[in-house]
Amino acid sequence: MNQELQTQIDTLKGTLTGNFMEDMEIRDKIHNLEMEMNGVKPGGSEIDCVGCGS
């Protein structure tokens, strides 16, 4: 499971353009996957992170 999430994160990181505005959606997806991988946010959950508002 963690390897699958890491692969998704690595793939998304490879699509970053360096343009903050264009990368916002991709960075949000990366952040959500990292939270899921670290056990901060349950997988498939729409529950937002209280600390950062993601």
Protein backbone atom coordinates (compact mmCIF):
# COMPACT_ATOMS: atom_id res chain seq x y z
CA MET A 1 0.00 0.00 0.00
CA ASN A 2 2.72 2.52 0.95
CA GLN A 3 4.75 1.61 -2.13
CA GLU A 4 1.69 2.21 -4.32
CA LEU A 5 1.11 5.60 -2.70
CA GLN A 6 4.79 6.51 -3.06
CA THR A 7 4.67 5.58 -6.74
CA GLN A 8 1.66 7.86 -7.23
CA ILE A 9 3.44 10.67 -5.38
CA ASP A 10 6.60 10.24 -7.47
CA THR A 11 4.55 10.27 -10.67
CA LEU A 12 2.76 13.47 -9.65
CA LYS A 13 6.03 15.12 -8.64
CA GLY A 14 7.32 14.37 -12.12
CA THR A 15 4.48 16.42 -13.61
CA LEU A 16 5.21 19.61 -11.63
CA THR A 17 5.96 22.57 -13.89
CA GLY A 18 7.56 24.95 -11.42
CA ASN A 19 4.70 27.41 -11.93
CA PHE A 20 3.01 27.81 -8.55
CA MET A 21 -0.45 28.51 -9.96
CA GLU A 22 -0.35 25.60 -12.40
CA ASP A 23 1.05 23.22 -9.76
CA MET A 24 -1.46 23.99 -6.98
CA GLU A 25 -3.85 21.14 -7.86
CA ILE A 26 -0.99 18.65 -8.28
CA ARG A 27 0.60 19.71 -4.98
CA ASP A 28 -2.78 19.27 -3.25
CA LYS A 29 -3.02 15.71 -4.59
CA ILE A 30 0.55 15.00 -3.45
CA HIS A 31 -0.21 16.39 0.01
CA ASN A 32 -3.36 14.26 0.35
CA LEU A 33 -1.47 11.12 -0.70
CA GLU A 34 1.33 11.89 1.77
CA MET A 35 -1.21 12.37 4.57
CA GLU A 36 -2.82 9.03 3.68
CA MET A 37 0.59 7.32 3.55
CA ASN A 38 1.54 8.76 6.95
CA GLY A 39 -1.77 7.76 8.54
CA VAL A 40 -2.93 11.33 9.03
CA LYS A 41 -5.97 11.04 6.77
CA PRO A 42 -7.95 7.84 6.27
CA GLY A 43 -7.78 6.47 2.73
CA GLY A 44 -10.72 7.43 0.54
CA SER A 45 -11.90 9.88 3.16
CA GLU A 46 -13.35 13.30 2.51
CA ILE A 47 -12.38 14.32 6.05
CA ASP A 48 -10.17 17.38 5.92
CA CYS A 49 -7.03 17.86 7.92
CA VAL A 50 -7.84 20.20 10.79
CA GLY A 51 -4.29 21.44 11.15
CA CYS A 52 -3.70 22.61 7.60
CA GLY A 53 -7.17 22.72 6.08
CA SER A 54 -6.34 20.28 3.27
